[in-house]
C-alpha atoms as a PDB file:
ATOM      1  CA  MET A   1      -0.202  -0.175   0.003  1.00  0.00           C
ATOM      2  CA  LEU A   2       3.360   1.797   0.393  1.00  0.00           C
ATOM      3  CA  GLN A   3       3.954   1.788  -2.900  1.00  0.00           C
ATOM      4  CA  GLU A   4       0.981   2.782  -4.587  1.00  0.00           C
ATOM      5  CA  GLN A   5       1.795   6.175  -2.234  1.00  0.00           C
ATOM      6  CA  ASP A   6       5.118   6.361  -3.304  1.00  0.00           C
ATOM      7  CA  PHE A   7       5.119   9.505  -5.758  1.00  0.00           C
ATOM      8  CA  LEU A   8       2.686  11.864  -3.126  1.00  0.00           C
ATOM      9  CA  ILE A   9       5.342  10.481  -0.437  1.00  0.00           C
ATOM     10  CA  ASN A  10       8.404  11.588  -1.906  1.00  0.00           C
ATOM     11  CA  LYS A  11       6.762  15.217  -3.159  1.00  0.00           C
ATOM     12  CA  LYS A  12       6.512  16.094   0.700  1.00  0.00           C
ATOM     13  CA  GLU A  13       9.437  14.464   1.144  1.00  0.00           C
ATOM     14  CA  LEU A  14       7.847  12.458   4.076  1.00  0.00           C
ATOM     15  CA  ARG A  15       9.134  10.046   6.631  1.00  0.00           C
ATOM     16  CA  VAL A  16       7.299   6.929   6.833  1.00  0.00           C
ATOM     17  CA  ASP A  17       7.703   5.167   9.888  1.00  0.00           C
ATOM     18  CA  TYR A  18       5.034   1.924  10.999  1.00  0.00           C
ATOM     19  CA  TYR A  19       4.778  -0.856  12.949  1.00  0.00           C
ATOM     20  CA  ILE A  20       2.523  -4.091  12.135  1.00  0.00           C
ATOM     21  CA  SER A  21       2.192  -6.903  14.601  1.00  0.00           C
ATOM     22  CA  LEU A  22      -0.609  -9.160  14.552  1.00  0.00           C
ATOM     23  CA  GLU A  23       0.920 -12.042  15.653  1.00  0.00           C
ATOM     24  CA  SER A  24      -0.672 -14.195  12.926  1.00  0.00           C
ATOM     25  CA  MET A  25      -4.058 -13.373  14.184  1.00  0.00           C
ATOM     26  CA  LEU A  26      -6.537 -14.299  12.088  1.00  0.00           C
ATOM     27  CA  ILE A  27      -9.347 -11.704  11.029  1.00  0.00           C
ATOM     28  CA  ASN A  28     -13.009 -12.358   9.804  1.00  0.00           C
ATOM     29  CA  SER A  29     -13.571  -9.354   7.615  1.00  0.00           C
ATOM     30  CA  ASP A  30     -13.745  -8.211   4.281  1.00  0.00           C
ATOM     31  CA  LYS A  31     -10.604  -7.642   2.761  1.00  0.00           C
ATOM     32  CA  LYS A  32     -11.282  -5.144   0.300  1.00  0.00           C
ATOM     33  CA  LYS A  33     -12.827  -3.473   2.746  1.00  0.00           C
ATOM     34  CA  VAL A  34      -9.583  -3.111   5.766  1.00  0.00           C
ATOM     35  CA  GLN A  35      -7.971  -2.792   2.262  1.00  0.00           C
ATOM     36  CA  GLN A  36      -9.706   0.044   1.412  1.00  0.00           C
ATOM     37  CA  LEU A  37      -9.760   1.897   4.846  1.00  0.00           C
ATOM     38  CA  VAL A  38      -6.162   1.480   5.584  1.00  0.00           C
ATOM     39  CA  TYR A  39      -5.631   3.159   1.724  1.00  0.00           C
ATOM     40  CA  ASN A  40      -7.835   6.117   2.862  1.00  0.00           C
ATOM     41  CA  LEU A  41      -6.160   6.748   6.104  1.00  0.00           C
ATOM     42  CA  LEU A  42      -2.483   6.606   4.884  1.00  0.00           C
ATOM     43  CA  SER A  43      -4.134   8.860   1.843  1.00  0.00           C
ATOM     44  CA  ASN A  44      -5.573  11.563   4.176  1.00  0.00           C
ATOM     45  CA  ALA A  45      -2.543  11.626   6.696  1.00  0.00           C
ATOM     46  CA  ILE A  46      -0.164  12.833   3.221  1.00  0.00           C
ATOM     47  CA  LYS A  47      -2.137  14.745   2.093  1.00  0.00           C
ATOM     48  CA  PHE A  48      -2.714  16.475   5.718  1.00  0.00           C
ATOM     49  CA  SER A  49       1.076  16.491   6.296  1.00  0.00           C
ATOM     50  CA  PRO A  50       3.085  19.401   6.078  1.00  0.00           C
ATOM     51  CA  GLN A  51       6.243  19.127   3.613  1.00  0.00           C
ATOM     52  CA  GLY A  52       8.931  17.013   5.123  1.00  0.00           C
ATOM     53  CA  GLY A  53       6.881  15.834   8.037  1.00  0.00           C
ATOM     54  CA  ILE A  54       6.823  12.619   9.973  1.00  0.00           C
ATOM     55  CA  LEU A  55       4.072  10.153   9.062  1.00  0.00           C
ATOM     56  CA  CYS A  56       3.840   7.661  12.195  1.00  0.00           C
ATOM     57  CA  PHE A  57       1.333   5.008  12.291  1.00  0.00           C
ATOM     58  CA  GLU A  58       0.899   1.088  13.904  1.00  0.00           C
ATOM     59  CA  LEU A  59      -1.259  -1.702  13.099  1.00  0.00           C
ATOM     60  CA  SER A  60      -1.482  -4.164  16.105  1.00  0.00           C
ATOM     61  CA  GLY A  61      -4.501  -6.764  16.834  1.00  0.00           C
ATOM     62  CA  ALA A  62      -6.196  -7.545  20.123  1.00  0.00           C
ATOM     63  CA  TYR A  63      -9.024  -9.126  21.310  1.00  0.00           C
ATOM     64  CA  ILE A  64     -11.875  -7.442  23.086  1.00  0.00           C
ATOM     65  CA  GLU A  65     -14.570  -9.142  25.778  1.00  0.00           C
ATOM     66  CA  GLN A  66     -17.866  -7.588  25.648  1.00  0.00           C
ATOM     67  CA  GLY A  67     -19.716  -9.469  28.354  1.00  0.00           C
ATOM     68  CA  SER A  68     -19.777 -13.301  27.486  1.00  0.00           C
ATOM     69  CA  GLU A  69     -18.109 -12.598  24.124  1.00  0.00           C
ATOM     70  CA  LYS A  70     -14.634 -12.393  22.618  1.00  0.00           C
ATOM     71  CA  THR A  71     -13.896 -10.267  19.761  1.00  0.00           C
ATOM     72  CA  ARG A  72     -10.654  -9.764  17.617  1.00  0.00           C
ATOM     73  CA  ALA A  73     -10.066  -6.578  16.628  1.00  0.00           C
ATOM     74  CA  LEU A  74      -7.617  -4.044  14.486  1.00  0.00           C
ATOM     75  CA  PHE A  75      -6.435  -1.119  15.743  1.00  0.00           C
ATOM     76  CA  PHE A  76      -5.193   1.529  13.698  1.00  0.00           C
END
C-alpha cells in the first residue's frame, strides 16, 4: 500500500515510520474493505501532513471482551 502512495510521499519529502504487529492473528473481515480503510487513512495522512513531516502509524490486533464474548479487533 505504501508503494501506491510512494510518489506523493517523495513529493512531500515525508518520512514514514510504521509498526505492524498482528501476531498471526486471523481476522474474519471483508479484505477489500479493510484495504480501502487503510488506504484512505494513509492517503489522508499524506494529504494533511506538512512538507518534510513524519507519518507514524501502527497496526495491531487484540481481543476485546464484551460480556461473555471475545471479539478480535484491529487498531490503527
